[in-house]
C-alpha atoms as a PDB file:
ATOM      1  CA  MET A   1       0.731 -12.141  34.403  1.00  0.00           C
ATOM      2  CA  ALA A   2       0.298  -8.528  35.412  1.00  0.00           C
ATOM      3  CA  LEU A   3       2.944  -6.763  37.410  1.00  0.00           C
ATOM      4  CA  ARG A   4       2.024  -6.409  41.052  1.00  0.00           C
ATOM      5  CA  TRP A   5       3.341  -2.898  41.516  1.00  0.00           C
ATOM      6  CA  SER A   6       1.955  -0.257  43.807  1.00  0.00           C
ATOM      7  CA  TYR A   7       0.284   2.801  42.321  1.00  0.00           C
ATOM      8  CA  LYS A   8       3.312   4.892  43.361  1.00  0.00           C
ATOM      9  CA  ARG A   9       5.768   2.560  41.610  1.00  0.00           C
ATOM     10  CA  ARG A  10       3.642   2.529  38.421  1.00  0.00           C
ATOM     11  CA  GLU A  11       3.550   6.328  38.457  1.00  0.00           C
ATOM     12  CA  GLU A  12       7.341   6.470  38.904  1.00  0.00           C
ATOM     13  CA  PHE A  13       7.775   4.187  35.886  1.00  0.00           C
ATOM     14  CA  ALA A  14       5.376   6.367  33.870  1.00  0.00           C
ATOM     15  CA  GLU A  15       7.426   9.443  34.796  1.00  0.00           C
ATOM     16  CA  LEU A  16      10.693   7.693  33.850  1.00  0.00           C
ATOM     17  CA  SER A  17       9.075   6.882  30.492  1.00  0.00           C
ATOM     18  CA  ALA A  18       8.045  10.537  30.035  1.00  0.00           C
ATOM     19  CA  ARG A  19       4.390   9.377  30.023  1.00  0.00           C
ATOM     20  CA  LYS A  20       4.873   8.556  26.341  1.00  0.00           C
ATOM     21  CA  CYS A  21       3.783   5.400  24.487  1.00  0.00           C
ATOM     22  CA  ALA A  22       6.866   3.477  23.359  1.00  0.00           C
ATOM     23  CA  HIS A  23       5.074   2.341  20.179  1.00  0.00           C
ATOM     24  CA  CYS A  24       2.940   5.168  18.766  1.00  0.00           C
ATOM     25  CA  GLY A  25       4.539   8.068  20.642  1.00  0.00           C
ATOM     26  CA  VAL A  26       1.353   9.540  22.109  1.00  0.00           C
ATOM     27  CA  GLU A  27       2.233  11.729  25.082  1.00  0.00           C
ATOM     28  CA  GLY A  28       0.448  12.607  28.298  1.00  0.00           C
ATOM     29  CA  LEU A  29      -0.483   9.085  29.372  1.00  0.00           C
ATOM     30  CA  VAL A  30      -2.208   8.847  32.747  1.00  0.00           C
ATOM     31  CA  SER A  31      -3.208   6.143  35.192  1.00  0.00           C
ATOM     32  CA  LYS A  32      -6.673   4.641  35.049  1.00  0.00           C
ATOM     33  CA  ARG A  33      -7.454   6.626  38.208  1.00  0.00           C
ATOM     34  CA  GLU A  34      -6.814   9.894  36.375  1.00  0.00           C
ATOM     35  CA  ALA A  35      -8.290   8.990  32.976  1.00  0.00           C
ATOM     36  CA  ASN A  36     -11.807  10.339  33.612  1.00  0.00           C
ATOM     37  CA  GLY A  37     -13.232   7.810  31.176  1.00  0.00           C
ATOM     38  CA  ASN A  38     -10.689   8.470  28.396  1.00  0.00           C
ATOM     39  CA  GLU A  39      -9.237   4.972  28.179  1.00  0.00           C
ATOM     40  CA  SER A  40      -7.124   5.792  25.108  1.00  0.00           C
ATOM     41  CA  LEU A  41      -4.845   7.943  27.272  1.00  0.00           C
ATOM     42  CA  THR A  42      -4.328   5.390  30.016  1.00  0.00           C
ATOM     43  CA  TYR A  43      -0.973   3.715  30.240  1.00  0.00           C
ATOM     44  CA  ASN A  44      -0.113   0.061  30.594  1.00  0.00           C
ATOM     45  CA  ILE A  45       3.239  -1.291  31.654  1.00  0.00           C
ATOM     46  CA  ASP A  46       4.071  -3.879  29.018  1.00  0.00           C
ATOM     47  CA  HIS A  47       6.636  -6.655  28.745  1.00  0.00           C
ATOM     48  CA  ILE A  48       8.840  -6.107  25.675  1.00  0.00           C
ATOM     49  CA  ILE A  49       9.398  -9.856  25.510  1.00  0.00           C
ATOM     50  CA  PRO A  50       6.161 -11.369  26.841  1.00  0.00           C
ATOM     51  CA  GLN A  51       6.345 -13.547  29.911  1.00  0.00           C
ATOM     52  CA  ALA A  52       4.741 -16.307  27.834  1.00  0.00           C
ATOM     53  CA  SER A  53       7.884 -16.219  25.673  1.00  0.00           C
ATOM     54  CA  GLY A  54      10.290 -16.216  28.605  1.00  0.00           C
ATOM     55  CA  GLY A  55      10.364 -12.467  29.284  1.00  0.00           C
ATOM     56  CA  THR A  56      11.047 -11.255  32.799  1.00  0.00           C
ATOM     57  CA  ASP A  57       9.787  -8.457  35.043  1.00  0.00           C
ATOM     58  CA  ASP A  58      13.205  -6.778  34.885  1.00  0.00           C
ATOM     59  CA  ILE A  59      12.962  -3.038  34.265  1.00  0.00           C
ATOM     60  CA  ASP A  60      14.858  -3.362  30.965  1.00  0.00           C
ATOM     61  CA  ASN A  61      12.096  -5.683  29.688  1.00  0.00           C
ATOM     62  CA  LEU A  62       9.316  -3.207  30.434  1.00  0.00           C
ATOM     63  CA  GLN A  63       7.893  -0.317  28.447  1.00  0.00           C
ATOM     64  CA  LEU A  64       5.015   2.120  28.725  1.00  0.00           C
ATOM     65  CA  LEU A  65       2.251   1.660  26.141  1.00  0.00           C
ATOM     66  CA  CYS A  66      -1.064   3.427  25.661  1.00  0.00           C
ATOM     67  CA  SER A  67      -4.102   1.178  26.090  1.00  0.00           C
ATOM     68  CA  PRO A  68      -4.851   0.925  22.337  1.00  0.00           C
ATOM     69  CA  CYS A  69      -1.274  -0.142  21.501  1.00  0.00           C
ATOM     70  CA  ASN A  70      -1.155  -2.549  24.432  1.00  0.00           C
ATOM     71  CA  GLY A  71      -4.415  -4.147  23.322  1.00  0.00           C
ATOM     72  CA  ALA A  72      -3.215  -4.456  19.735  1.00  0.00           C
ATOM     73  CA  LYS A  73       0.178  -5.878  20.765  1.00  0.00           C
ATOM     74  CA  GLY A  74      -1.329  -8.663  22.852  1.00  0.00           C
ATOM     75  CA  ALA A  75       1.185 -11.467  23.431  1.00  0.00           C
ATOM     76  CA  LEU A  76       3.462 -10.469  20.540  1.00  0.00           C
ATOM     77  CA  SER A  77       7.009  -9.387  21.252  1.00  0.00           C
ATOM     78  CA  THR A  78       7.755  -5.747  20.494  1.00  0.00           C
ATOM     79  CA  ASP A  79       9.677  -6.762  17.349  1.00  0.00           C
ATOM     80  CA  GLU A  80       6.814  -8.965  16.124  1.00  0.00           C
ATOM     81  CA  PHE A  81       4.285  -6.227  16.864  1.00  0.00           C
ATOM     82  CA  SER A  82       6.331  -3.573  15.047  1.00  0.00           C
ATOM     83  CA  SER A  83       6.742  -5.827  12.017  1.00  0.00           C
ATOM     84  CA  HIS A  84       3.027  -6.684  12.028  1.00  0.00           C
ATOM     85  CA  SER A  85       2.081  -2.988  12.349  1.00  0.00           C
ATOM     86  CA  GLU A  86       4.389  -1.938   9.517  1.00  0.00           C
ATOM     87  CA  ARG A  87       2.971  -4.630   7.241  1.00  0.00           C
ATOM     88  CA  LYS A  88      -0.583  -3.638   8.195  1.00  0.00           C
ATOM     89  CA  TYR A  89       0.056   0.012   7.264  1.00  0.00           C
ATOM     90  CA  GLU A  90       1.715  -1.072   4.027  1.00  0.00           C
ATOM     91  CA  VAL A  91      -1.356  -3.185   3.177  1.00  0.00           C
ATOM     92  CA  GLU A  92      -3.589  -0.138   3.734  1.00  0.00           C
ATOM     93  CA  ARG A  93      -1.378   1.944   1.432  1.00  0.00           C
ATOM     94  CA  MET A  94      -1.408  -0.780  -1.217  1.00  0.00           C
ATOM     95  CA  LYS A  95      -5.217  -1.076  -1.110  1.00  0.00           C
ATOM     96  CA  VAL A  96      -5.539   2.632  -1.879  1.00  0.00           C
ATOM     97  CA  GLU A  97      -2.976   2.334  -4.674  1.00  0.00           C
ATOM     98  CA  LEU A  98      -4.846  -0.647  -6.155  1.00  0.00           C
ATOM     99  CA  GLU A  99      -8.115   1.267  -6.005  1.00  0.00           C
ATOM    100  CA  GLU A 100      -6.518   4.232  -7.785  1.00  0.00           C
ATOM    101  CA  THR A 101      -4.787   2.184 -10.488  1.00  0.00           C
ATOM    102  CA  THR A 102      -7.572  -0.297 -11.246  1.00  0.00           C
ATOM    103  CA  GLY A 103     -10.731   1.570 -10.354  1.00  0.00           C
ATOM    104  CA  LEU A 104     -11.805  -1.316  -8.111  1.00  0.00           C
ATOM    105  CA  ASP A 105     -13.993  -0.230  -5.225  1.00  0.00           C
ATOM    106  CA  ILE A 106     -12.138  -0.243  -1.877  1.00  0.00           C
ATOM    107  CA  GLU A 107     -15.034  -2.177  -0.290  1.00  0.00           C
ATOM    108  CA  TYR A 108     -14.663  -4.875  -2.959  1.00  0.00           C
ATOM    109  CA  ILE A 109     -10.930  -5.055  -2.241  1.00  0.00           C
ATOM    110  CA  GLU A 110     -11.679  -5.368   1.499  1.00  0.00           C
ATOM    111  CA  ARG A 111     -14.126  -8.231   0.910  1.00  0.00           C
ATOM    112  CA  MET A 112     -11.621  -9.969  -1.349  1.00  0.00           C
ATOM    113  CA  LEU A 113      -8.888  -9.749   1.300  1.00  0.00           C
ATOM    114  CA  GLN A 114     -10.844 -10.492   4.454  1.00  0.00           C
ATOM    115  CA  THR A 115      -9.968 -14.191   4.516  1.00  0.00           C
ATOM    116  CA  PHE A 116      -6.206 -13.588   4.246  1.00  0.00           C
ATOM    117  CA  SER A 117      -3.741 -12.938   7.065  1.00  0.00           C
ATOM    118  CA  ILE A 118      -1.867  -9.623   6.988  1.00  0.00           C
ATOM    119  CA  LYS A 119       1.192 -11.395   5.530  1.00  0.00           C
ATOM    120  CA  ASP A 120      -0.890 -13.000   2.783  1.00  0.00           C
ATOM    121  CA  ARG A 121      -2.751  -9.742   2.099  1.00  0.00           C
ATOM    122  CA  HIS A 122       0.619  -8.124   1.453  1.00  0.00           C
ATOM    123  CA  HIS A 123       1.480 -10.897  -1.013  1.00  0.00           C
ATOM    124  CA  VAL A 124      -1.895 -10.660  -2.796  1.00  0.00           C
ATOM    125  CA  LEU A 125      -1.718  -6.887  -3.147  1.00  0.00           C
ATOM    126  CA  SER A 126       1.908  -6.981  -4.322  1.00  0.00           C
ATOM    127  CA  LYS A 127       0.969  -9.458  -7.030  1.00  0.00           C
ATOM    128  CA  LEU A 128      -2.055  -7.426  -8.164  1.00  0.00           C
ATOM    129  CA  LEU A 129      -0.097  -4.168  -8.197  1.00  0.00           C
ATOM    130  CA  ARG A 130       2.535  -5.787 -10.435  1.00  0.00           C
ATOM    131  CA  GLY A 131      -0.187  -6.571 -12.950  1.00  0.00           C
ATOM    132  CA  GLY A 132      -0.859 -10.163 -11.968  1.00  0.00           C
ATOM    133  CA  SER A 133      -4.327 -11.610 -11.923  1.00  0.00           C
ATOM    134  CA  VAL A 134      -6.214 -12.918  -8.932  1.00  0.00           C
ATOM    135  CA  TRP A 135      -6.064 -16.388 -10.529  1.00  0.00           C
ATOM    136  CA  GLU A 136      -2.248 -16.418 -10.392  1.00  0.00           C
ATOM    137  CA  LEU A 137      -2.181 -15.957  -6.631  1.00  0.00           C
ATOM    138  CA  GLY A 138      -1.721 -19.639  -5.917  1.00  0.00           C
ATOM    139  CA  ALA A 139       1.825 -19.411  -7.325  1.00  0.00           C
ATOM    140  CA  LYS A 140       4.004 -17.544  -4.832  1.00  0.00           C
END
């Protein structure tokens, strides 16, 4: 459930947070009123531990996020989101490494991985980078 704060209170929280996204670090975040159509620079006040997981509206459970990070985080806790993001970036790095070491086309690698979760993609790429075959992937 969204916080029911006044515009003034939201702006005060944004100032206390230095108008900086707590996840990606982008600075200069503004309210939707001031965004002039640039949604990527609008801020959202986010629950670190989502209310769906028992999080509260206490100030120490709130953080400022840019709209893209807030949308990507969804109902994940901040720890879950950070872990998911790190794994996602690692998967991207591994895809490039696999392309460079095997000569496989990156689009082929993408198609091969599209049915796997991020966690499973990490496992698949790790196995392939260690010289395993796609057929061995059933054995974890």
